[in-house]
Protein backbone atom coordinates (compact mmCIF):
# COMPACT_ATOMS: atom_id res chain seq x y z
CA MET A 1 0.00 0.00 0.00
CA ASP A 2 3.03 2.34 0.31
CA LEU A 3 2.84 3.24 -3.40
CA LEU A 4 -0.96 3.25 -3.66
CA ARG A 5 -3.37 6.00 -2.68
CA GLY A 6 -7.16 6.08 -2.69
CA ALA A 7 -7.80 2.36 -2.04
CA LEU A 8 -9.06 0.99 1.26
CA GLU A 9 -7.76 -2.54 0.73
CA LEU A 10 -5.59 -4.70 -1.55
CA GLU A 11 -6.61 -8.24 -2.46
CA ARG A 12 -4.00 -10.77 -3.56
CA THR A 13 -5.09 -12.49 -6.78
CA ALA A 14 -3.61 -15.14 -9.08
CA SER A 15 -2.33 -12.33 -11.31
CA GLY A 16 -1.21 -9.69 -8.82
CA VAL A 17 -3.10 -7.35 -6.50
CA LEU A 18 -6.57 -5.90 -6.86
CA PRO A 19 -7.32 -2.52 -5.23
CA HIS A 20 -10.73 -2.26 -3.57
CA ARG A 21 -12.56 0.87 -2.47
CA LEU A 22 -14.61 -1.04 0.10
CA PRO A 23 -13.05 -3.44 2.64
CA ALA A 24 -13.71 -7.18 2.50
CA ARG A 25 -15.99 -7.05 5.53
CA ALA A 26 -18.26 -4.59 3.74
CA ARG A 27 -18.26 -6.55 0.48
CA ALA A 28 -19.12 -9.74 2.36
CA GLN A 29 -22.29 -8.15 3.72
CA CYS A 30 -23.83 -7.60 0.29
CA SER A 31 -24.76 -10.21 -2.33
CA ASP A 32 -25.01 -7.66 -5.16
CA PRO A 33 -22.28 -8.47 -7.71
CA GLY A 34 -22.59 -4.94 -9.08
CA LEU A 35 -21.32 -3.47 -5.82
CA ALA A 36 -18.28 -5.77 -5.78
CA LEU A 37 -17.59 -4.74 -9.38
CA ALA A 38 -17.85 -1.03 -8.59
CA SER A 39 -15.60 -1.39 -5.53
CA ALA A 40 -12.91 -2.95 -7.73
CA GLN A 41 -13.10 -0.19 -10.33
CA PRO A 42 -10.36 2.08 -8.96
CA SER A 43 -11.87 5.55 -9.29
CA GLY A 44 -9.50 7.98 -7.59
CA VAL A 45 -6.90 5.27 -6.99
CA ARG A 46 -3.37 6.12 -8.11
CA LEU A 47 0.17 4.85 -7.84
CA ALA A 48 2.40 7.52 -6.33
CA PHE A 49 6.17 7.31 -6.05
CA ARG A 50 9.37 9.35 -6.15
CA THR A 51 11.95 8.40 -8.78
CA SER A 52 14.51 9.63 -11.29
CA ALA A 53 13.20 7.14 -13.89
CA THR A 54 12.53 8.30 -17.44
CA VAL A 55 10.57 5.17 -18.43
CA VAL A 56 7.70 3.61 -16.47
CA GLU A 57 5.79 0.46 -17.46
CA LEU A 58 2.78 -1.00 -15.69
CA ASP A 59 1.37 -4.47 -16.40
CA THR A 60 -2.32 -4.82 -15.56
CA LEU A 61 -5.23 -7.17 -16.11
CA ARG A 62 -8.38 -5.22 -16.72
CA THR A 63 -12.03 -6.27 -16.71
CA ARG A 64 -14.17 -4.00 -18.85
CA MET A 65 -17.92 -3.96 -19.26
CA VAL A 66 -19.57 -4.24 -22.67
CA TYR A 67 -23.33 -3.81 -23.07
CA ARG A 68 -24.86 -6.07 -25.69
CA GLY A 69 -26.40 -4.01 -28.49
CA ALA A 70 -25.04 -0.70 -27.22
CA PRO A 71 -22.11 1.27 -28.66
CA PRO A 72 -18.73 0.15 -27.26
CA ARG A 73 -17.57 2.04 -24.20
CA PRO A 74 -14.24 3.88 -24.44
CA ASP A 75 -11.20 2.09 -23.07
CA GLY A 76 -10.30 3.09 -19.54
CA GLY A 77 -7.50 5.61 -19.35
CA TYR A 78 -4.29 5.71 -17.30
CA GLU A 79 -3.22 9.29 -16.65
CA LEU A 80 0.32 10.31 -15.71
CA ARG A 81 1.17 13.27 -13.53
CA VAL A 82 4.71 14.43 -12.86
CA ASP A 83 5.18 16.82 -9.95
CA GLY A 84 1.44 17.41 -10.00
CA ARG A 85 1.19 18.33 -13.68
CA PRO A 86 -0.43 16.27 -16.48
CA ALA A 87 2.31 14.41 -18.39
CA GLY A 88 0.61 11.76 -20.50
CA ARG A 89 -2.31 9.44 -21.05
CA ALA A 90 -2.44 5.82 -22.23
CA THR A 91 -4.80 2.88 -22.55
CA THR A 92 -4.11 -0.82 -22.33
CA THR A 93 -5.16 -3.80 -24.39
CA GLY A 94 -6.43 -7.29 -23.70
CA GLY A 95 -8.06 -8.06 -20.42
CA ASN A 96 -11.32 -9.72 -19.46
CA VAL A 97 -14.69 -8.70 -20.88
CA LEU A 98 -17.94 -8.72 -18.92
CA LEU A 99 -20.69 -8.83 -21.55
CA VAL A 100 -23.97 -7.57 -20.08
CA ASP A 101 -27.44 -7.91 -21.60
CA MET A 102 -29.33 -4.82 -20.45
CA ALA A 103 -32.68 -6.35 -21.38
CA THR A 104 -32.29 -9.46 -19.21
CA GLY A 105 -29.50 -8.57 -16.79
CA ALA A 106 -27.52 -11.65 -17.81
CA ALA A 107 -23.73 -11.32 -17.80
CA GLU A 108 -21.07 -13.43 -19.51
CA ARG A 109 -17.40 -13.25 -18.55
CA ARG A 110 -14.80 -13.73 -21.29
CA PRO A 111 -11.16 -14.04 -20.13
CA GLY A 112 -8.31 -12.18 -21.82
CA PRO A 113 -4.56 -11.53 -21.53
CA LEU A 114 -2.52 -8.99 -19.59
CA GLY A 115 -1.86 -5.56 -21.03
CA THR A 116 0.95 -3.04 -20.58
CA VAL A 117 0.89 0.74 -20.18
CA ARG A 118 4.15 2.50 -20.98
CA PHE A 119 5.20 6.09 -20.32
CA ALA A 120 8.57 7.15 -21.75
CA ASP A 121 10.65 10.33 -22.01
CA LEU A 122 9.85 11.48 -18.50
CA PRO A 123 11.89 14.47 -17.32
CA ARG A 124 15.31 13.64 -15.94
CA GLY A 125 16.03 14.08 -12.26
CA THR A 126 14.11 13.23 -9.12
CA LYS A 127 10.38 13.80 -9.40
CA ASP A 128 7.07 12.73 -7.92
CA VAL A 129 5.09 10.50 -10.29
CA GLU A 130 1.42 9.56 -10.12
CA ILE A 131 -0.38 7.09 -12.37
CA TRP A 132 -4.15 7.40 -12.00
CA LEU A 133 -5.89 4.11 -12.72
CA PRO A 134 -9.07 3.81 -14.83
CA HIS A 135 -12.17 4.90 -12.97
CA ASN A 136 -14.41 2.52 -14.92
CA GLU A 137 -12.46 -0.74 -15.36
CA VAL A 138 -11.59 -3.35 -12.74
CA THR A 139 -7.80 -3.22 -12.64
CA GLU A 140 -5.47 -5.86 -11.24
CA LEU A 141 -1.91 -4.59 -10.80
CA VAL A 142 0.62 -7.17 -11.98
CA ALA A 143 4.04 -5.49 -12.31
CA LEU A 144 5.66 -2.05 -12.18
CA ARG A 145 8.93 -1.57 -14.08
CA THR A 146 11.14 1.51 -14.14
CA ASP A 147 14.68 2.31 -15.28
CA ALA A 148 15.57 3.73 -11.84
CA PRO A 149 14.59 2.89 -8.25
CA VAL A 150 11.29 4.10 -6.81
CA ALA A 151 10.37 5.12 -3.28
CA ALA A 152 7.19 6.08 -1.51
CA VAL A 153 6.37 9.78 -1.59
CA PRO A 154 6.53 11.37 1.86
CA GLY A 155 3.28 12.70 3.26
CA THR A 156 2.05 15.79 1.44
CA GLY A 157 0.49 17.37 4.49
CA ARG A 158 -2.66 18.01 2.47
CA ARG A 159 -6.03 17.33 3.99
CA VAL A 160 -7.79 14.08 3.07
CA TRP A 161 -11.26 14.37 1.52
CA LEU A 162 -13.42 11.24 1.77
CA HIS A 163 -16.39 11.27 -0.62
CA HIS A 164 -19.24 8.82 -1.16
CA GLY A 165 -21.82 8.87 -3.93
CA SER A 166 -23.24 7.09 -6.96
CA SER A 167 -21.93 6.32 -10.46
CA ILE A 168 -21.80 10.06 -11.12
CA SER A 169 -19.33 10.40 -8.25
CA GLN A 170 -17.44 7.33 -9.46
CA GLY A 171 -17.08 9.13 -12.78
CA SER A 172 -19.47 7.54 -15.25
CA ASP A 173 -18.89 9.13 -18.69
CA ALA A 174 -16.04 11.36 -17.48
CA ALA A 175 -13.16 11.79 -19.91
CA GLY A 176 -10.64 10.10 -17.64
CA PRO A 177 -9.66 9.31 -14.05
CA THR A 178 -8.36 12.80 -13.23
CA THR A 179 -11.42 14.49 -14.72
CA THR A 180 -14.20 12.83 -12.76
CA TRP A 181 -15.90 15.63 -10.90
CA PRO A 182 -14.50 14.58 -7.48
CA ALA A 183 -10.95 14.34 -8.88
CA LEU A 184 -11.28 17.79 -10.43
CA ALA A 185 -12.70 19.25 -7.23
CA ALA A 186 -9.92 17.67 -5.17
CA SER A 187 -7.27 19.14 -7.47
CA LEU A 188 -8.85 22.60 -7.27
CA GLY A 189 -9.24 22.29 -3.50
CA GLY A 190 -5.67 21.10 -2.91
CA VAL A 191 -6.73 17.95 -1.05
CA GLU A 192 -6.04 14.21 -1.23
CA LEU A 193 -9.08 12.31 -2.54
CA ILE A 194 -10.50 9.00 -1.39
CA ASN A 195 -13.44 8.39 -3.70
CA LEU A 196 -16.09 5.97 -2.50
CA GLY A 197 -18.39 6.80 -5.39
CA LEU A 198 -19.93 3.41 -6.14
CA SER A 199 -21.89 2.88 -9.33
CA GLY A 200 -25.39 1.86 -8.31
CA GLY A 201 -24.21 1.54 -4.72
CA ALA A 202 -25.10 4.77 -2.90
CA LEU A 203 -27.95 3.07 -1.06
CA LEU A 204 -27.42 4.08 2.59
CA ASP A 205 -25.97 0.64 3.31
CA PRO A 206 -24.75 0.29 6.92
CA PHE A 207 -21.51 -1.37 5.78
CA THR A 208 -20.69 1.67 3.63
CA ALA A 209 -21.38 3.97 6.56
CA ARG A 210 -18.99 1.88 8.66
CA ALA A 211 -16.32 2.11 5.95
CA LEU A 212 -16.66 5.91 6.06
CA ARG A 213 -16.60 5.83 9.87
CA ASP A 214 -13.39 3.80 9.97
CA THR A 215 -11.44 5.65 7.25
CA PRO A 216 -9.21 8.50 8.47
CA ALA A 217 -10.27 11.77 6.86
CA ASP A 218 -10.21 15.51 7.42
CA LEU A 219 -13.28 16.24 5.28
CA ILE A 220 -16.26 14.07 4.37
CA SER A 221 -19.09 14.42 1.87
CA VAL A 222 -21.97 12.08 1.05
CA LYS A 223 -24.09 12.49 -2.06
CA ILE A 224 -27.41 10.80 -1.46
CA GLY A 225 -30.49 10.15 -3.56
CA ILE A 226 -30.30 9.11 -7.19
CA ASN A 227 -29.57 5.42 -6.55
CA LEU A 228 -32.35 5.20 -4.00
CA VAL A 229 -34.79 6.48 -6.60
CA ASN A 230 -33.54 4.62 -9.65
CA THR A 231 -33.47 1.27 -7.83
CA ASP A 232 -36.83 1.99 -6.17
CA LEU A 233 -35.20 0.54 -3.07
CA MET A 234 -37.22 2.04 -0.24
CA ARG A 235 -40.17 4.20 0.63
CA LEU A 236 -40.18 7.51 2.47
CA ARG A 237 -40.89 5.81 5.80
CA ALA A 238 -37.61 3.88 5.56
CA PHE A 239 -35.61 6.64 3.89
CA VAL A 240 -35.70 9.19 6.70
CA PRO A 241 -34.43 6.92 9.52
CA ALA A 242 -31.93 5.34 7.11
CA VAL A 243 -30.38 8.77 6.44
CA HIS A 244 -30.21 9.46 10.17
CA GLY A 245 -28.65 6.05 10.85
CA PHE A 246 -26.08 6.51 8.09
CA LEU A 247 -25.04 9.94 9.40
CA ASP A 248 -25.02 8.67 13.01
CA THR A 249 -22.58 5.90 12.02
CA VAL A 250 -20.26 8.28 10.18
CA ARG A 251 -20.30 10.59 13.19
CA GLU A 252 -19.22 7.74 15.49
CA GLY A 253 -15.78 7.87 13.89
CA HIS A 254 -15.72 11.53 12.89
CA PRO A 255 -17.62 13.52 15.53
CA THR A 256 -16.23 16.94 14.55
CA THR A 257 -15.09 16.40 10.96
CA PRO A 258 -16.72 18.76 8.45
CA LEU A 259 -19.49 16.69 6.86
CA LEU A 260 -21.32 17.89 3.75
CA VAL A 261 -24.56 16.22 2.64
CA VAL A 262 -25.24 16.75 -1.07
CA SER A 263 -28.61 16.07 -2.66
CA PRO A 264 -29.04 14.87 -6.29
CA ILE A 265 -28.23 16.93 -9.34
CA LEU A 266 -31.12 17.56 -11.71
CA CYS A 267 -32.33 14.43 -13.52
CA PRO A 268 -35.58 15.21 -15.36
CA ILE A 269 -36.77 11.63 -15.73
CA HIS A 270 -36.91 11.22 -11.93
CA GLU A 271 -37.69 14.71 -10.65
CA ASP A 272 -41.33 13.81 -10.07
CA THR A 273 -41.51 10.21 -11.28
CA PRO A 274 -40.37 7.32 -9.07
CA GLY A 275 -38.04 4.57 -10.18
CA PRO A 276 -36.90 2.13 -11.14
CA SER A 277 -34.75 3.41 -13.99
CA VAL A 278 -35.06 1.03 -16.91
CA PRO A 279 -33.30 0.91 -20.28
CA ASP A 280 -35.35 2.20 -23.19
CA LEU A 281 -35.44 -0.95 -25.29
CA GLY A 282 -36.46 0.97 -28.38
CA GLU A 283 -33.34 3.13 -28.13
CA LEU A 284 -31.24 0.09 -27.28
CA GLY A 285 -32.48 -1.65 -30.42
CA ALA A 286 -31.28 1.37 -32.38
CA GLY A 287 -27.82 1.08 -30.79
CA ARG A 288 -28.27 3.81 -28.18
CA LEU A 289 -28.28 3.41 -24.41
CA MET A 290 -31.00 5.56 -22.85
CA PHE A 291 -32.90 5.28 -19.59
CA ARG A 292 -36.46 6.15 -18.65
CA ALA A 293 -38.38 6.21 -15.39
CA GLY A 294 -40.38 3.05 -14.82
CA GLY A 295 -42.52 4.29 -11.93
CA ASP A 296 -45.87 6.02 -11.69
CA PRO A 297 -46.00 9.66 -10.52
CA GLY A 298 -49.32 8.91 -8.88
CA GLU A 299 -47.62 6.66 -6.34
CA ARG A 300 -45.71 9.47 -4.65
CA ALA A 301 -48.56 9.74 -2.15
CA ALA A 302 -47.88 6.13 -1.15
CA GLY A 303 -44.32 7.03 -0.21
CA ARG A 304 -42.40 6.17 -3.38
CA LEU A 305 -39.34 8.38 -3.69
CA THR A 306 -38.64 10.99 -6.33
CA LEU A 307 -35.71 13.37 -6.49
CA THR A 308 -37.92 16.26 -5.40
CA VAL A 309 -38.98 14.33 -2.29
CA VAL A 310 -35.40 13.28 -1.54
CA ARG A 311 -34.07 16.84 -1.79
CA ASP A 312 -36.78 18.24 0.46
CA GLU A 313 -36.19 15.58 3.10
CA LEU A 314 -32.40 15.88 3.03
CA ALA A 315 -32.61 19.66 3.45
CA ARG A 316 -34.94 19.20 6.43
CA ILE A 317 -32.87 16.44 8.04
CA VAL A 318 -29.62 18.41 7.79
CA ARG A 319 -31.26 21.60 9.02
CA GLU A 320 -32.62 19.85 12.10
CA ARG A 321 -29.41 17.92 12.84
CA ALA A 322 -27.24 21.01 12.33
CA ALA A 323 -28.86 22.61 15.36
CA GLY A 324 -26.70 20.27 17.44
CA ASP A 325 -23.92 19.61 14.93
CA PRO A 326 -22.08 22.77 13.86
CA TYR A 327 -19.83 20.80 11.48
CA LEU A 328 -22.72 19.52 9.33
CA ALA A 329 -23.72 21.30 6.11
CA HIS A 330 -26.04 20.77 3.13
CA LEU A 331 -25.74 21.47 -0.59
CA ASP A 332 -28.64 21.24 -3.02
CA GLY A 333 -27.31 19.26 -5.99
CA ARG A 334 -29.11 21.54 -8.44
CA ALA A 335 -26.53 24.20 -7.55
CA LEU A 336 -24.03 21.90 -9.26
CA TYR A 337 -26.24 21.01 -12.23
CA GLY A 338 -29.71 22.49 -12.62
CA ALA A 339 -32.35 23.29 -15.20
CA ALA A 340 -30.27 25.86 -17.09
CA ASP A 341 -27.34 23.44 -17.24
CA HIS A 342 -29.58 20.67 -18.54
CA ALA A 343 -30.82 22.93 -21.33
CA GLU A 344 -27.20 23.51 -22.38
CA LEU A 345 -25.68 20.12 -21.49
CA PRO A 346 -28.41 17.46 -21.35
CA LEU A 347 -27.64 14.10 -19.77
CA PRO A 348 -26.73 11.94 -22.80
CA ASP A 349 -28.39 8.75 -21.53
CA GLY A 350 -30.95 10.41 -19.26
CA LEU A 351 -28.98 9.65 -16.09
CA HIS A 352 -25.26 10.41 -16.37
CA PRO A 353 -23.41 13.66 -17.14
CA ASP A 354 -20.87 13.88 -19.95
CA ALA A 355 -17.26 15.00 -19.66
CA ALA A 356 -18.04 18.72 -19.96
CA THR A 357 -20.65 18.44 -17.23
CA HIS A 358 -18.24 16.59 -14.93
CA ARG A 359 -15.92 19.55 -15.27
CA ARG A 360 -18.68 22.02 -14.48
CA ILE A 361 -19.84 20.05 -11.44
CA GLY A 362 -16.28 19.70 -10.15
CA GLU A 363 -15.56 23.40 -10.52
CA ARG A 364 -18.79 24.40 -8.82
CA PHE A 365 -18.32 21.94 -5.97
CA ALA A 366 -14.79 23.21 -5.39
CA ALA A 367 -15.95 26.81 -5.36
CA HIS A 368 -18.74 26.05 -2.91
CA ALA A 369 -16.95 23.64 -0.59
CA PHE A 370 -13.35 24.88 -0.59
CA GLY A 371 -13.97 28.56 -1.27
CA THR A 372 -14.00 31.28 1.36
CA GLY A 373 -16.69 30.55 3.92
CA GLY A 374 -17.35 27.08 2.47
CA PRO A 375 -17.76 24.01 4.67
CA PHE A 376 -14.32 22.69 3.61
CA ALA A 377 -12.50 26.04 3.63
CA VAL A 378 -9.18 26.09 5.47
CA PRO A 379 -9.88 27.52 8.95
CA ARG A 380 -8.34 30.89 9.62
CA SER A 381 -5.69 30.79 12.30
């Protein structure tokens, strides 16, 4: 772990080591294979070392998802930073393929060979190197080769920001691992990121709350809502105490850590229509992946969740808890991406922002959270 940042655990595999963003105890408490997959997709995870090497090679075994009938997803990117500045980008080849049928949910795994990422012509002299791993591909680390010795980078002294959210926080449809909105916000805020954005997995699970509780951090944010709606997981009666229980657990380990609760960004299909989110089979048949809301707006009175309901309840819960918790704050997600943004930059598949929108969300979050007077601003001495 000395050369790896952003992972909570390393698993030894037949090929090498597999970084996880949830510990084994948490993964064992959930039978959903999608959560295990998301945990092993290393969003925000990076190799970091000090070296005078001019050539760096990394052997990996990736597992990438392919949706049957949909356009191929871009290869996951490896992004190089030297002394904090962008210095190159590469993709790998080979690897395993997980072929998913969106209509039936069936998945077929097809094994493949190792791949190699190579960065050459690095500047001479001692430097700090980071290789950010793909945010959207399971990545087993097999071998690291350099033409000079490497050593762990001493502590930066920067604050650690621990964030939890959905696939949007993990980085779905971002341009690369350093341009997911949390990675961008962390760079702008000058903090070290641990990203527990879990595709489909921001469901107020107690084991996730315990992972947040037990992870050292100086700043914490939780983005709650969209997965609860698009899985149609719970009703309002369960949602409110589940939010309280989740925040109570986090506070057990971080009683005075700044904690920011963020509600969902705008998503028109679920603003006033409950989930579940379902693929539009007509669009899928035409080779496009689009989602629609599968619920009935008339069932809101029976307690089915919509994004409007979730936002109202989160604002109320945080307001009431903040009376006794001065380190707790709230951010309406529509301040990051709202109606005017959707008119300019609509969600391409109805659920997930594109690369330009990730940048906008990251910049706005950084300005709100890390700016003067923000909940993550550096305290004045």
